[in-house]
Protein backbone atom coordinates (compact mmCIF):
# COMPACT_ATOMS: atom_id res chain seq x y z
CA MET A 1 18.07 2.48 -4.40
CA ALA A 2 14.92 1.97 -2.34
CA ASN A 3 15.37 1.42 1.33
CA ALA A 4 11.97 0.01 2.20
CA LEU A 5 9.08 -2.14 1.26
CA VAL A 6 5.73 -1.26 2.80
CA SER A 7 2.68 -3.59 2.49
CA ILE A 8 -0.74 -2.28 3.35
CA GLN A 9 -4.15 -3.78 3.70
CA ILE A 10 -6.59 -0.96 4.07
CA LEU A 11 -10.05 -1.69 5.60
CA PRO A 12 -12.34 1.29 5.27
CA ASN A 13 -15.56 1.57 7.43
CA ALA A 14 -17.60 2.48 4.40
CA PRO A 15 -21.02 4.21 4.74
CA GLU A 16 -23.95 1.96 5.01
CA GLY A 17 -24.68 0.08 1.79
CA ALA A 18 -21.49 1.21 0.07
CA SER A 19 -19.01 -1.24 -1.40
CA LYS A 20 -15.67 -1.33 0.31
CA TYR A 21 -14.12 -2.30 -3.07
CA GLU A 22 -14.54 1.25 -4.51
CA TYR A 23 -12.62 2.65 -1.52
CA VAL A 24 -9.89 0.03 -1.86
CA ASP A 25 -9.70 0.87 -5.61
CA ARG A 26 -9.27 4.62 -4.59
CA ALA A 27 -6.46 3.72 -2.24
CA ILE A 28 -4.74 1.76 -5.05
CA ASP A 29 -5.12 4.75 -7.33
CA ILE A 30 -3.30 6.90 -4.72
CA ILE A 31 -0.35 4.44 -4.91
CA LYS A 32 -0.53 4.38 -8.61
CA ALA A 33 -0.45 8.17 -8.82
CA SER A 34 2.62 8.34 -6.46
CA GLY A 35 4.75 6.71 -9.07
CA VAL A 36 6.45 4.18 -6.77
CA PRO A 37 6.69 0.64 -7.83
CA TYR A 38 3.98 -1.46 -6.39
CA ARG A 39 2.33 -4.94 -6.55
CA VAL A 40 -1.34 -5.75 -5.84
CA ALA A 41 -1.94 -9.10 -4.18
CA PRO A 42 -5.25 -10.58 -3.04
CA LEU A 43 -4.87 -9.39 0.62
CA GLU A 44 -2.50 -6.49 0.48
CA THR A 45 -0.58 -4.11 -1.83
CA THR A 46 3.28 -3.81 -1.46
CA MET A 47 5.11 -0.51 -2.45
CA GLU A 48 8.79 -0.02 -2.89
CA GLY A 49 10.66 3.19 -2.17
CA GLU A 50 12.05 5.54 0.42
CA LEU A 51 10.44 4.87 3.85
CA HIS A 52 9.36 8.49 4.45
CA LYS A 53 7.61 8.74 1.10
CA LEU A 54 5.88 5.39 1.53
CA LEU A 55 4.53 6.44 4.89
CA MET A 56 3.21 9.58 3.37
CA ILE A 57 1.40 7.53 0.82
CA VAL A 58 -0.23 5.45 3.65
CA GLN A 59 -1.29 8.75 5.25
CA GLN A 60 -2.80 9.95 2.01
CA MET A 61 -4.67 6.73 1.66
CA ASN A 62 -6.18 6.89 5.02
CA GLU A 63 -7.25 10.53 4.63
CA ALA A 64 -8.76 9.85 1.30
CA MET A 65 -10.94 7.17 2.91
CA THR A 66 -12.37 9.60 5.43
CA ASP A 67 -12.57 12.43 2.96
CA GLN A 68 -14.88 10.11 0.93
CA GLY A 69 -17.26 9.42 3.79
CA CYS A 70 -15.66 6.48 5.76
CA SER A 71 -16.18 7.08 9.52
CA SER A 72 -12.77 5.30 10.16
CA VAL A 73 -10.06 3.20 8.60
CA ILE A 74 -7.97 0.27 9.76
CA SER A 75 -4.64 -0.04 7.97
CA GLN A 76 -2.58 -3.16 8.55
CA VAL A 77 0.94 -2.31 7.61
CA LYS A 78 4.22 -4.35 7.26
CA ILE A 79 7.49 -2.59 6.78
CA LEU A 80 10.84 -3.94 5.71
CA PHE A 81 13.41 -1.18 6.22
CA ASN A 82 16.97 -1.75 5.09
CA PRO A 83 18.90 1.53 4.80
CA THR A 84 22.30 -0.27 4.32
CA ASP A 85 21.58 -2.82 1.57
CA GLY A 86 18.18 -1.57 0.25
CA ALA A 87 15.01 -3.31 -0.26
CA SER A 88 13.28 -4.56 -3.43
CA MET A 89 10.39 -6.77 -4.39
CA GLY A 90 12.43 -8.15 -7.24
CA THR A 91 15.14 -9.46 -4.93
CA LEU A 92 12.64 -11.11 -2.51
CA LEU A 93 10.58 -12.61 -5.32
CA GLU A 94 13.38 -13.70 -7.83
CA LYS A 95 12.89 -17.37 -6.80
CA TYR A 96 9.18 -17.07 -7.74
CA PRO A 97 8.93 -15.47 -11.14
CA ASP A 98 5.43 -16.77 -11.76
CA GLY A 99 4.24 -15.91 -8.24
CA GLN A 100 4.16 -19.65 -7.32
């Protein structure tokens, strides 16, 4: 059972003239490759899993931005940590099956 949800909005300081969206797409690819359940929303992406693993993914995302030429990165992160009862997107969203 997952013990955490981590939502992240990554804001890369992309090189002059570069689209920030290609960097955001790269960040989402890192989440996808990790194998953790995730959900992309308009302003942030939420991941589900063990807190230590999710924080490692956040670190990888930030490092990838600078490795690709961003001078800096702002990551706005929200964390729900529940080691006793667990945390799941499904449970929190069960009342809203259509995202409404």
